[in-house]
Amino acid sequence: MTKEEFKKQIRRHDWYFHYSDDHRVWTRGNKELKKLRHAHAVLNCPFSLNELSNWRFNMIFELFQEDEENKGDYYRIDRKSSFVAPAKTYDLITQEKSNQIENWFKETED
């Protein structure tokens, strides 16, 4: 798998498959995740799958602000609804990390 194919798979993957009540969805998601883990290792990706997932969902620390009442809970600055689950710091990556990931995908393969 090339970096470009890996990038597409990361963007297409159902990162929430494990919440499904449908066993077929869970099975398909688990199979795809195994392929992602294999490609991650083969491509020697320097970023964790968790960081890649955060990158995929644009979970950029600088786009969030900490809740005044519930310290440790972060919400998007442009939050449009109060019915949104908070993010924790481990759910977020910095803009710098996001840029590093994007640049890694752009690097040519040897």
PDB file of N, CA and C in Angstrom:
ATOM      1  N   MET A   1       0.847  -1.175   0.000  1.00  0.00           N
ATOM      2  CA  MET A   1       0.000   0.000   0.000  1.00  0.00           C
ATOM      3  C   MET A   1       0.899   1.246   0.000  1.00  0.00           C
ATOM      4  N   THR A   2       0.566   2.209  -0.826  1.00  0.00           N
ATOM      5  CA  THR A   2       1.316   3.460  -0.878  1.00  0.00           C
ATOM      6  C   THR A   2       0.824   4.401   0.218  1.00  0.00           C
ATOM      7  N   LYS A   3       1.570   5.468   0.446  1.00  0.00           N
ATOM      8  CA  LYS A   3       1.143   6.465   1.437  1.00  0.00           C
ATOM      9  C   LYS A   3      -0.194   7.081   1.032  1.00  0.00           C
ATOM     10  N   GLU A   4      -0.339   7.312  -0.265  1.00  0.00           N
ATOM     11  CA  GLU A   4      -1.595   7.912  -0.743  1.00  0.00           C
ATOM     12  C   GLU A   4      -2.781   6.979  -0.487  1.00  0.00           C
ATOM     13  N   GLU A   5      -2.590   5.683  -0.743  1.00  0.00           N
ATOM     14  CA  GLU A   5      -3.657   4.712  -0.469  1.00  0.00           C
ATOM     15  C   GLU A   5      -3.925   4.623   1.030  1.00  0.00           C
ATOM     16  N   PHE A   6      -2.863   4.663   1.826  1.00  0.00           N
ATOM     17  CA  PHE A   6      -2.993   4.637   3.283  1.00  0.00           C
ATOM     18  C   PHE A   6      -3.794   5.846   3.761  1.00  0.00           C
ATOM     19  N   LYS A   7      -3.482   6.995   3.224  1.00  0.00           N
ATOM     20  CA  LYS A   7      -4.203   8.232   3.571  1.00  0.00           C
ATOM     21  C   LYS A   7      -5.692   8.100   3.241  1.00  0.00           C
ATOM     22  N   LYS A   8      -5.988   7.564   2.067  1.00  0.00           N
ATOM     23  CA  LYS A   8      -7.388   7.375   1.663  1.00  0.00           C
ATOM     24  C   LYS A   8      -8.095   6.401   2.594  1.00  0.00           C
ATOM     25  N   GLN A   9      -7.396   5.335   2.972  1.00  0.00           N
ATOM     26  CA  GLN A   9      -7.988   4.340   3.881  1.00  0.00           C
ATOM     27  C   GLN A   9      -8.264   4.953   5.258  1.00  0.00           C
ATOM     28  N   ILE A  10      -7.358   5.786   5.727  1.00  0.00           N
ATOM     29  CA  ILE A  10      -7.560   6.459   7.019  1.00  0.00           C
ATOM     30  C   ILE A  10      -8.792   7.352   6.950  1.00  0.00           C
ATOM     31  N   ARG A  11      -8.925   8.070   5.859  1.00  0.00           N
ATOM     32  CA  ARG A  11     -10.081   8.973   5.706  1.00  0.00           C
ATOM     33  C   ARG A  11     -11.392   8.201   5.540  1.00  0.00           C
ATOM     34  N   ARG A  12     -11.354   7.038   4.920  1.00  0.00           N
ATOM     35  CA  ARG A  12     -12.559   6.241   4.642  1.00  0.00           C
ATOM     36  C   ARG A  12     -12.963   5.335   5.796  1.00  0.00           C
ATOM     37  N   HIS A  13     -12.006   4.989   6.634  1.00  0.00           N
ATOM     38  CA  HIS A  13     -12.262   4.018   7.703  1.00  0.00           C
ATOM     39  C   HIS A  13     -13.355   4.498   8.651  1.00  0.00           C
ATOM     40  N   ASP A  14     -14.202   3.586   9.067  1.00  0.00           N
ATOM     41  CA  ASP A  14     -15.229   3.873  10.069  1.00  0.00           C
ATOM     42  C   ASP A  14     -14.580   3.721  11.452  1.00  0.00           C
ATOM     43  N   TRP A  15     -14.104   4.821  11.995  1.00  0.00           N
ATOM     44  CA  TRP A  15     -13.379   4.797  13.265  1.00  0.00           C
ATOM     45  C   TRP A  15     -14.287   4.480  14.447  1.00  0.00           C
ATOM     46  N   TYR A  16     -15.575   4.453  14.227  1.00  0.00           N
ATOM     47  CA  TYR A  16     -16.527   4.189  15.310  1.00  0.00           C
ATOM     48  C   TYR A  16     -17.254   2.857  15.134  1.00  0.00           C
ATOM     49  N   PHE A  17     -16.673   1.974  14.329  1.00  0.00           N
ATOM     50  CA  PHE A  17     -17.314   0.686  14.039  1.00  0.00           C
ATOM     51  C   PHE A  17     -17.577  -0.120  15.292  1.00  0.00           C
ATOM     52  N   HIS A  18     -16.738   0.025  16.295  1.00  0.00           N
ATOM     53  CA  HIS A  18     -16.861  -0.794  17.509  1.00  0.00           C
ATOM     54  C   HIS A  18     -18.103  -0.438  18.336  1.00  0.00           C
ATOM     55  N   TYR A  19     -18.765   0.664  18.003  1.00  0.00           N
ATOM     56  CA  TYR A  19     -20.009   1.033  18.688  1.00  0.00           C
ATOM     57  C   TYR A  19     -21.241   0.407  18.027  1.00  0.00           C
ATOM     58  N   SER A  20     -21.058  -0.211  16.892  1.00  0.00           N
ATOM     59  CA  SER A  20     -22.199  -0.734  16.138  1.00  0.00           C
ATOM     60  C   SER A  20     -22.801  -1.969  16.800  1.00  0.00           C
ATOM     61  N   ASP A  21     -24.118  -2.054  16.717  1.00  0.00           N
ATOM     62  CA  ASP A  21     -24.827  -3.250  17.176  1.00  0.00           C
ATOM     63  C   ASP A  21     -24.881  -4.308  16.076  1.00  0.00           C
ATOM     64  N   ASP A  22     -24.538  -3.921  14.874  1.00  0.00           N
ATOM     65  CA  ASP A  22     -24.568  -4.815  13.725  1.00  0.00           C
ATOM     66  C   ASP A  22     -23.222  -5.538  13.634  1.00  0.00           C
ATOM     67  N   HIS A  23     -23.241  -6.840  13.809  1.00  0.00           N
ATOM     68  CA  HIS A  23     -21.993  -7.606  13.809  1.00  0.00           C
ATOM     69  C   HIS A  23     -21.261  -7.507  12.469  1.00  0.00           C
ATOM     70  N   ARG A  24     -22.007  -7.388  11.373  1.00  0.00           N
ATOM     71  CA  ARG A  24     -21.366  -7.253  10.058  1.00  0.00           C
ATOM     72  C   ARG A  24     -20.552  -5.960   9.982  1.00  0.00           C
ATOM     73  N   VAL A  25     -21.086  -4.885  10.544  1.00  0.00           N
ATOM     74  CA  VAL A  25     -20.371  -3.605  10.558  1.00  0.00           C
ATOM     75  C   VAL A  25     -19.119  -3.736  11.415  1.00  0.00           C
ATOM     76  N   TRP A  26     -19.259  -4.360  12.582  1.00  0.00           N
ATOM     77  CA  TRP A  26     -18.124  -4.555  13.471  1.00  0.00           C
ATOM     78  C   TRP A  26     -17.050  -5.408  12.795  1.00  0.00           C
ATOM     79  N   THR A  27     -17.453  -6.498  12.149  1.00  0.00           N
ATOM     80  CA  THR A  27     -16.511  -7.392  11.482  1.00  0.00           C
ATOM     81  C   THR A  27     -15.763  -6.665  10.374  1.00  0.00           C
ATOM     82  N   ARG A  28     -16.494  -5.923   9.554  1.00  0.00           N
ATOM     83  CA  ARG A  28     -15.874  -5.174   8.455  1.00  0.00           C
ATOM     84  C   ARG A  28     -14.902  -4.127   9.011  1.00  0.00           C
ATOM     85  N   GLY A  29     -15.325  -3.396  10.044  1.00  0.00           N
ATOM     86  CA  GLY A  29     -14.459  -2.375  10.641  1.00  0.00           C
ATOM     87  C   GLY A  29     -13.211  -2.975  11.253  1.00  0.00           C
ATOM     88  N   ASN A  30     -13.358  -4.099  11.926  1.00  0.00           N
ATOM     89  CA  ASN A  30     -12.217  -4.768  12.542  1.00  0.00           C
ATOM     90  C   ASN A  30     -11.225  -5.246  11.481  1.00  0.00           C
ATOM     91  N   LYS A  31     -11.748  -5.775  10.377  1.00  0.00           N
ATOM     92  CA  LYS A  31     -10.900  -6.243   9.272  1.00  0.00           C
ATOM     93  C   LYS A  31     -10.141  -5.070   8.650  1.00  0.00           C
ATOM     94  N   GLU A  32     -10.825  -3.957   8.448  1.00  0.00           N
ATOM     95  CA  GLU A  32     -10.180  -2.763   7.893  1.00  0.00           C
ATOM     96  C   GLU A  32      -9.107  -2.228   8.839  1.00  0.00           C
ATOM     97  N   LEU A  33      -9.388  -2.253  10.133  1.00  0.00           N
ATOM     98  CA  LEU A  33      -8.417  -1.776  11.107  1.00  0.00           C
ATOM     99  C   LEU A  33      -7.153  -2.635  11.084  1.00  0.00           C
ATOM    100  N   LYS A  34      -7.313  -3.937  10.923  1.00  0.00           N
ATOM    101  CA  LYS A  34      -6.148  -4.819  10.826  1.00  0.00           C
ATOM    102  C   LYS A  34      -5.301  -4.446   9.608  1.00  0.00           C
ATOM    103  N   LYS A  35      -5.955  -4.133   8.490  1.00  0.00           N
ATOM    104  CA  LYS A  35      -5.230  -3.711   7.287  1.00  0.00           C
ATOM    105  C   LYS A  35      -4.502  -2.387   7.529  1.00  0.00           C
ATOM    106  N   LEU A  36      -5.161  -1.477   8.235  1.00  0.00           N
ATOM    107  CA  LEU A  36      -4.529  -0.202   8.552  1.00  0.00           C
ATOM    108  C   LEU A  36      -3.305  -0.412   9.440  1.00  0.00           C
ATOM    109  N   ARG A  37      -3.424  -1.278  10.432  1.00  0.00           N
ATOM    110  CA  ARG A  37      -2.287  -1.563  11.317  1.00  0.00           C
ATOM    111  C   ARG A  37      -1.115  -2.160  10.534  1.00  0.00           C
ATOM    112  N   HIS A  38      -1.434  -3.050   9.607  1.00  0.00           N
ATOM    113  CA  HIS A  38      -0.394  -3.667   8.787  1.00  0.00           C
ATOM    114  C   HIS A  38       0.295  -2.606   7.925  1.00  0.00           C
ATOM    115  N   ALA A  39      -0.481  -1.785   7.245  1.00  0.00           N
ATOM    116  CA  ALA A  39       0.080  -0.731   6.396  1.00  0.00           C
ATOM    117  C   ALA A  39       0.884   0.257   7.242  1.00  0.00           C
ATOM    118  N   HIS A  40       0.394   0.573   8.418  1.00  0.00           N
ATOM    119  CA  HIS A  40       1.075   1.475   9.343  1.00  0.00           C
ATOM    120  C   HIS A  40       2.482   0.958   9.641  1.00  0.00           C
ATOM    121  N   ALA A  41       2.575  -0.326   9.893  1.00  0.00           N
ATOM    122  CA  ALA A  41       3.874  -0.948  10.196  1.00  0.00           C
ATOM    123  C   ALA A  41       4.763  -1.009   8.955  1.00  0.00           C
ATOM    124  N   VAL A  42       4.216  -1.444   7.829  1.00  0.00           N
ATOM    125  CA  VAL A  42       4.993  -1.591   6.589  1.00  0.00           C
ATOM    126  C   VAL A  42       5.531  -0.235   6.121  1.00  0.00           C
ATOM    127  N   LEU A  43       4.713   0.808   6.236  1.00  0.00           N
ATOM    128  CA  LEU A  43       5.134   2.144   5.803  1.00  0.00           C
ATOM    129  C   LEU A  43       6.007   2.845   6.843  1.00  0.00           C
ATOM    130  N   ASN A  44       6.167   2.184   7.996  1.00  0.00           N
ATOM    131  CA  ASN A  44       6.967   2.750   9.086  1.00  0.00           C
ATOM    132  C   ASN A  44       6.477   4.153   9.443  1.00  0.00           C
ATOM    133  N   CYS A  45       5.189   4.276   9.589  1.00  0.00           N
ATOM    134  CA  CYS A  45       4.566   5.566   9.905  1.00  0.00           C
ATOM    135  C   CYS A  45       4.991   6.008  11.306  1.00  0.00           C
ATOM    136  N   PRO A  46       5.508   7.223  11.439  1.00  0.00           N
ATOM    137  CA  PRO A  46       5.983   7.691  12.733  1.00  0.00           C
ATOM    138  C   PRO A  46       4.884   8.187  13.674  1.00  0.00           C
ATOM    139  N   PHE A  47       3.631   8.145  13.219  1.00  0.00           N
ATOM    140  CA  PHE A  47       2.514   8.642  14.015  1.00  0.00           C
ATOM    141  C   PHE A  47       1.624   7.472  14.435  1.00  0.00           C
ATOM    142  N   SER A  48       1.074   7.582  15.617  1.00  0.00           N
ATOM    143  CA  SER A  48       0.195   6.513  16.095  1.00  0.00           C
ATOM    144  C   SER A  48      -1.121   6.542  15.321  1.00  0.00           C
ATOM    145  N   LEU A  49      -1.821   5.418  15.333  1.00  0.00           N
ATOM    146  CA  LEU A  49      -3.142   5.385  14.690  1.00  0.00           C
ATOM    147  C   LEU A  49      -4.098   6.351  15.381  1.00  0.00           C
ATOM    148  N   ASN A  50      -3.930   6.547  16.670  1.00  0.00           N
ATOM    149  CA  ASN A  50      -4.760   7.515  17.397  1.00  0.00           C
ATOM    150  C   ASN A  50      -4.503   8.932  16.866  1.00  0.00           C
ATOM    151  N   GLU A  51      -3.236   9.281  16.644  1.00  0.00           N
ATOM    152  CA  GLU A  51      -2.921  10.594  16.085  1.00  0.00           C
ATOM    153  C   GLU A  51      -3.475  10.734  14.680  1.00  0.00           C
ATOM    154  N   LEU A  52      -3.404   9.669  13.900  1.00  0.00           N
ATOM    155  CA  LEU A  52      -3.945   9.705  12.528  1.00  0.00           C
ATOM    156  C   LEU A  52      -5.456   9.857  12.537  1.00  0.00           C
ATOM    157  N   SER A  53      -6.112   9.212  13.479  1.00  0.00           N
ATOM    158  CA  SER A  53      -7.564   9.368  13.613  1.00  0.00           C
ATOM    159  C   SER A  53      -7.906  10.807  13.991  1.00  0.00           C
ATOM    160  N   ASN A  54      -7.162  11.367  14.944  1.00  0.00           N
ATOM    161  CA  ASN A  54      -7.391  12.763  15.349  1.00  0.00           C
ATOM    162  C   ASN A  54      -7.145  13.710  14.180  1.00  0.00           C
ATOM    163  N   TRP A  55      -6.122  13.412  13.385  1.00  0.00           N
ATOM    164  CA  TRP A  55      -5.837  14.214  12.196  1.00  0.00           C
ATOM    165  C   TRP A  55      -6.993  14.116  11.203  1.00  0.00           C
ATOM    166  N   ARG A  56      -7.488  12.915  10.994  1.00  0.00           N
ATOM    167  CA  ARG A  56      -8.573  12.687  10.046  1.00  0.00           C
ATOM    168  C   ARG A  56      -9.819  13.498  10.411  1.00  0.00           C
ATOM    169  N   PHE A  57     -10.103  13.614  11.713  1.00  0.00           N
ATOM    170  CA  PHE A  57     -11.299  14.335  12.162  1.00  0.00           C
ATOM    171  C   PHE A  57     -11.023  15.792  12.507  1.00  0.00           C
ATOM    172  N   ASN A  58      -9.810  16.267  12.157  1.00  0.00           N
ATOM    173  CA  ASN A  58      -9.451  17.661  12.383  1.00  0.00           C
ATOM    174  C   ASN A  58      -9.615  18.053  13.861  1.00  0.00           C
ATOM    175  N   MET A  59      -9.163  17.176  14.713  1.00  0.00           N
ATOM    176  CA  MET A  59      -9.241  17.410  16.157  1.00  0.00           C
ATOM    177  C   MET A  59      -7.991  18.191  16.582  1.00  0.00           C
ATOM    178  N   ILE A  60      -7.963  19.457  16.176  1.00  0.00           N
ATOM    179  CA  ILE A  60      -6.805  20.328  16.367  1.00  0.00           C
ATOM    180  C   ILE A  60      -7.006  21.156  17.639  1.00  0.00           C
ATOM    181  N   PHE A  61      -6.070  21.017  18.558  1.00  0.00           N
ATOM    182  CA  PHE A  61      -6.163  21.669  19.859  1.00  0.00           C
ATOM    183  C   PHE A  61      -6.499  23.153  19.731  1.00  0.00           C
ATOM    184  N   GLU A  62      -5.870  23.830  18.778  1.00  0.00           N
ATOM    185  CA  GLU A  62      -6.069  25.271  18.615  1.00  0.00           C
ATOM    186  C   GLU A  62      -7.477  25.637  18.153  1.00  0.00           C
ATOM    187  N   LEU A  63      -8.258  24.659  17.691  1.00  0.00           N
ATOM    188  CA  LEU A  63      -9.633  24.913  17.262  1.00  0.00           C
ATOM    189  C   LEU A  63     -10.635  24.671  18.386  1.00  0.00           C
ATOM    190  N   PHE A  64     -10.124  24.339  19.570  1.00  0.00           N
ATOM    191  CA  PHE A  64     -10.957  24.028  20.724  1.00  0.00           C
ATOM    192  C   PHE A  64     -10.658  24.995  21.872  1.00  0.00           C
ATOM    193  N   GLN A  65     -11.615  25.102  22.764  1.00  0.00           N
ATOM    194  CA  GLN A  65     -11.378  25.871  23.988  1.00  0.00           C
ATOM    195  C   GLN A  65     -11.892  25.072  25.175  1.00  0.00           C
ATOM    196  N   GLU A  66     -11.244  25.280  26.304  1.00  0.00           N
ATOM    197  CA  GLU A  66     -11.621  24.555  27.505  1.00  0.00           C
ATOM    198  C   GLU A  66     -12.903  25.133  28.077  1.00  0.00           C
ATOM    199  N   ASP A  67     -13.769  24.269  28.525  1.00  0.00           N
ATOM    200  CA  ASP A  67     -15.022  24.677  29.139  1.00  0.00           C
ATOM    201  C   ASP A  67     -14.721  25.360  30.472  1.00  0.00           C
ATOM    202  N   GLU A  68     -15.357  26.491  30.714  1.00  0.00           N
ATOM    203  CA  GLU A  68     -15.117  27.263  31.937  1.00  0.00           C
ATOM    204  C   GLU A  68     -15.532  26.492  33.193  1.00  0.00           C
ATOM    205  N   GLU A  69     -16.667  25.815  33.121  1.00  0.00           N
ATOM    206  CA  GLU A  69     -17.204  25.124  34.298  1.00  0.00           C
ATOM    207  C   GLU A  69     -16.619  23.739  34.505  1.00  0.00           C
ATOM    208  N   ASN A  70     -16.315  23.053  33.429  1.00  0.00           N
ATOM    209  CA  ASN A  70     -15.797  21.685  33.510  1.00  0.00           C
ATOM    210  C   ASN A  70     -14.382  21.636  32.958  1.00  0.00           C
ATOM    211  N   LYS A  71     -13.432  21.952  33.816  1.00  0.00           N
ATOM    212  CA  LYS A  71     -12.028  21.958  33.396  1.00  0.00           C
ATOM    213  C   LYS A  71     -11.641  20.583  32.868  1.00  0.00           C
ATOM    214  N   GLY A  72     -10.903  20.566  31.788  1.00  0.00           N
ATOM    215  CA  GLY A  72     -10.500  19.311  31.160  1.00  0.00           C
ATOM    216  C   GLY A  72     -11.405  18.898  30.015  1.00  0.00           C
ATOM    217  N   ASP A  73     -12.544  19.567  29.880  1.00  0.00           N
ATOM    218  CA  ASP A  73     -13.453  19.328  28.756  1.00  0.00           C
ATOM    219  C   ASP A  73     -13.224  20.421  27.713  1.00  0.00           C
ATOM    220  N   TYR A  74     -13.037  20.000  26.474  1.00  0.00           N
ATOM    221  CA  TYR A  74     -12.777  20.944  25.393  1.00  0.00           C
ATOM    222  C   TYR A  74     -13.871  20.833  24.335  1.00  0.00           C
ATOM    223  N   TYR A  75     -14.280  21.994  23.826  1.00  0.00           N
ATOM    224  CA  TYR A  75     -15.292  22.071  22.778  1.00  0.00           C
ATOM    225  C   TYR A  75     -14.746  22.918  21.643  1.00  0.00           C
ATOM    226  N   ARG A  76     -15.212  22.620  20.430  1.00  0.00           N
ATOM    227  CA  ARG A  76     -14.815  23.442  19.285  1.00  0.00           C
ATOM    228  C   ARG A  76     -15.227  24.882  19.551  1.00  0.00           C
ATOM    229  N   ILE A  77     -14.368  25.792  19.164  1.00  0.00           N
ATOM    230  CA  ILE A  77     -14.638  27.218  19.363  1.00  0.00           C
ATOM    231  C   ILE A  77     -15.924  27.616  18.659  1.00  0.00           C
ATOM    232  N   ASP A  78     -16.172  27.054  17.485  1.00  0.00           N
ATOM    233  CA  ASP A  78     -17.359  27.393  16.694  1.00  0.00           C
ATOM    234  C   ASP A  78     -18.525  26.436  16.964  1.00  0.00           C
ATOM    235  N   ARG A  79     -18.589  25.882  18.177  1.00  0.00           N
ATOM    236  CA  ARG A  79     -19.645  24.914  18.521  1.00  0.00           C
ATOM    237  C   ARG A  79     -21.017  25.527  18.260  1.00  0.00           C
ATOM    238  N   LYS A  80     -21.845  24.775  17.536  1.00  0.00           N
ATOM    239  CA  LYS A  80     -23.166  25.259  17.156  1.00  0.00           C
ATOM    240  C   LYS A  80     -24.286  24.653  18.006  1.00  0.00           C
ATOM    241  N   SER A  81     -23.958  23.677  18.823  1.00  0.00           N
ATOM    242  CA  SER A  81     -24.972  23.003  19.614  1.00  0.00           C
ATOM    243  C   SER A  81     -24.429  22.718  21.007  1.00  0.00           C
ATOM    244  N   SER A  82     -25.318  22.720  21.976  1.00  0.00           N
ATOM    245  CA  SER A  82     -24.896  22.369  23.337  1.00  0.00           C
ATOM    246  C   SER A  82     -24.969  20.858  23.546  1.00  0.00           C
ATOM    247  N   PHE A  83     -25.460  20.129  22.536  1.00  0.00           N
ATOM    248  CA  PHE A  83     -25.587  18.676  22.627  1.00  0.00           C
ATOM    249  C   PHE A  83     -24.409  17.980  21.948  1.00  0.00           C
ATOM    250  N   VAL A  84     -23.222  18.397  22.304  1.00  0.00           N
ATOM    251  CA  VAL A  84     -22.006  17.850  21.726  1.00  0.00           C
ATOM    252  C   VAL A  84     -21.138  17.314  22.866  1.00  0.00           C
ATOM    253  N   ALA A  85     -20.630  16.127  22.679  1.00  0.00           N
ATOM    254  CA  ALA A  85     -19.762  15.549  23.706  1.00  0.00           C
ATOM    255  C   ALA A  85     -18.431  16.303  23.728  1.00  0.00           C
ATOM    256  N   PRO A  86     -17.869  16.477  24.913  1.00  0.00           N
ATOM    257  CA  PRO A  86     -16.582  17.179  24.993  1.00  0.00           C
ATOM    258  C   PRO A  86     -15.434  16.289  24.553  1.00  0.00           C
ATOM    259  N   ALA A  87     -14.364  16.923  24.165  1.00  0.00           N
ATOM    260  CA  ALA A  87     -13.115  16.220  23.875  1.00  0.00           C
ATOM    261  C   ALA A  87     -12.199  16.404  25.075  1.00  0.00           C
ATOM    262  N   LYS A  88     -11.312  15.460  25.257  1.00  0.00           N
ATOM    263  CA  LYS A  88     -10.273  15.555  26.279  1.00  0.00           C
ATOM    264  C   LYS A  88      -8.961  15.870  25.573  1.00  0.00           C
ATOM    265  N   THR A  89      -7.944  16.235  26.326  1.00  0.00           N
ATOM    266  CA  THR A  89      -6.677  16.592  25.688  1.00  0.00           C
ATOM    267  C   THR A  89      -6.108  15.438  24.872  1.00  0.00           C
ATOM    268  N   TYR A  90      -6.318  14.192  25.304  1.00  0.00           N
ATOM    269  CA  TYR A  90      -5.788  13.058  24.540  1.00  0.00           C
ATOM    270  C   TYR A  90      -6.555  12.833  23.238  1.00  0.00           C
ATOM    271  N   ASP A  91      -7.687  13.518  23.059  1.00  0.00           N
ATOM    272  CA  ASP A  91      -8.453  13.442  21.819  1.00  0.00           C
ATOM    273  C   ASP A  91      -7.958  14.453  20.786  1.00  0.00           C
ATOM    274  N   LEU A  92      -7.008  15.289  21.175  1.00  0.00           N
ATOM    275  CA  LEU A  92      -6.599  16.414  20.342  1.00  0.00           C
ATOM    276  C   LEU A  92      -5.121  16.334  19.973  1.00  0.00           C
ATOM    277  N   ILE A  93      -4.792  16.882  18.818  1.00  0.00           N
ATOM    278  CA  ILE A  93      -3.402  17.042  18.405  1.00  0.00           C
ATOM    279  C   ILE A  93      -3.193  18.524  18.089  1.00  0.00           C
ATOM    280  N   THR A  94      -1.973  18.953  18.159  1.00  0.00           N
ATOM    281  CA  THR A  94      -1.681  20.352  17.844  1.00  0.00           C
ATOM    282  C   THR A  94      -1.708  20.568  16.330  1.00  0.00           C
ATOM    283  N   GLN A  95      -1.819  21.820  15.955  1.00  0.00           N
ATOM    284  CA  GLN A  95      -1.760  22.165  14.530  1.00  0.00           C
ATOM    285  C   GLN A  95      -0.409  21.750  13.958  1.00  0.00           C
ATOM    286  N   GLU A  96       0.642  21.900  14.758  1.00  0.00           N
ATOM    287  CA  GLU A  96       1.975  21.499  14.312  1.00  0.00           C
ATOM    288  C   GLU A  96       2.024  19.994  13.997  1.00  0.00           C
ATOM    289  N   LYS A  97       1.440  19.179  14.874  1.00  0.00           N
ATOM    290  CA  LYS A  97       1.409  17.728  14.651  1.00  0.00           C
ATOM    291  C   LYS A  97       0.591  17.411  13.391  1.00  0.00           C
ATOM    292  N   SER A  98      -0.522  18.078  13.218  1.00  0.00           N
ATOM    293  CA  SER A  98      -1.342  17.878  12.025  1.00  0.00           C
ATOM    294  C   SER A  98      -0.543  18.202  10.766  1.00  0.00           C
ATOM    295  N   ASN A  99       0.216  19.281  10.804  1.00  0.00           N
ATOM    296  CA  ASN A  99       1.055  19.658   9.659  1.00  0.00           C
ATOM    297  C   ASN A  99       2.130  18.606   9.404  1.00  0.00           C
ATOM    298  N   GLN A 100       2.714  18.062  10.468  1.00  0.00           N
ATOM    299  CA  GLN A 100       3.732  17.024  10.325  1.00  0.00           C
ATOM    300  C   GLN A 100       3.138  15.788   9.646  1.00  0.00           C
ATOM    301  N   ILE A 101       1.941  15.432  10.046  1.00  0.00           N
ATOM    302  CA  ILE A 101       1.274  14.272   9.438  1.00  0.00           C
ATOM    303  C   ILE A 101       1.021  14.531   7.957  1.00  0.00           C
ATOM    304  N   GLU A 102       0.490  15.695   7.660  1.00  0.00           N
ATOM    305  CA  GLU A 102       0.211  16.048   6.264  1.00  0.00           C
ATOM    306  C   GLU A 102       1.499  16.027   5.441  1.00  0.00           C
ATOM    307  N   ASN A 103       2.569  16.554   6.004  1.00  0.00           N
ATOM    308  CA  ASN A 103       3.855  16.569   5.293  1.00  0.00           C
ATOM    309  C   ASN A 103       4.398  15.158   5.103  1.00  0.00           C
ATOM    310  N   TRP A 104       4.203  14.276   6.078  1.00  0.00           N
ATOM    311  CA  TRP A 104       4.672  12.896   5.943  1.00  0.00           C
ATOM    312  C   TRP A 104       3.981  12.215   4.764  1.00  0.00           C
ATOM    313  N   PHE A 105       2.689  12.465   4.624  1.00  0.00           N
ATOM    314  CA  PHE A 105       1.953  11.882   3.496  1.00  0.00           C
ATOM    315  C   PHE A 105       2.454  12.431   2.154  1.00  0.00           C
ATOM    316  N   LYS A 106       2.934  13.662   2.148  1.00  0.00           N
ATOM    317  CA  LYS A 106       3.399  14.276   0.910  1.00  0.00           C
ATOM    318  C   LYS A 106       4.800  13.847   0.514  1.00  0.00           C
ATOM    319  N   GLU A 107       5.572  13.352   1.482  1.00  0.00           N
ATOM    320  CA  GLU A 107       6.930  12.910   1.183  1.00  0.00           C
ATOM    321  C   GLU A 107       6.877  11.760   0.175  1.00  0.00           C
ATOM    322  N   THR A 108       7.823  11.782  -0.742  1.00  0.00           N
ATOM    323  CA  THR A 108       7.877  10.689  -1.722  1.00  0.00           C
ATOM    324  C   THR A 108       8.410   9.426  -1.054  1.00  0.00           C
ATOM    325  N   GLU A 109       7.903   8.343  -1.536  1.00  0.00           N
ATOM    326  CA  GLU A 109       8.326   7.048  -1.005  1.00  0.00           C
ATOM    327  C   GLU A 109       9.620   6.619  -1.669  1.00  0.00           C
ATOM    328  N   ASP A 110      10.472   5.968  -0.903  1.00  0.00           N
ATOM    329  CA  ASP A 110      11.748   5.481  -1.437  1.00  0.00           C
ATOM    330  C   ASP A 110      11.555   4.231  -2.265  1.00  0.00           C
TER     331      ASP A 110
END
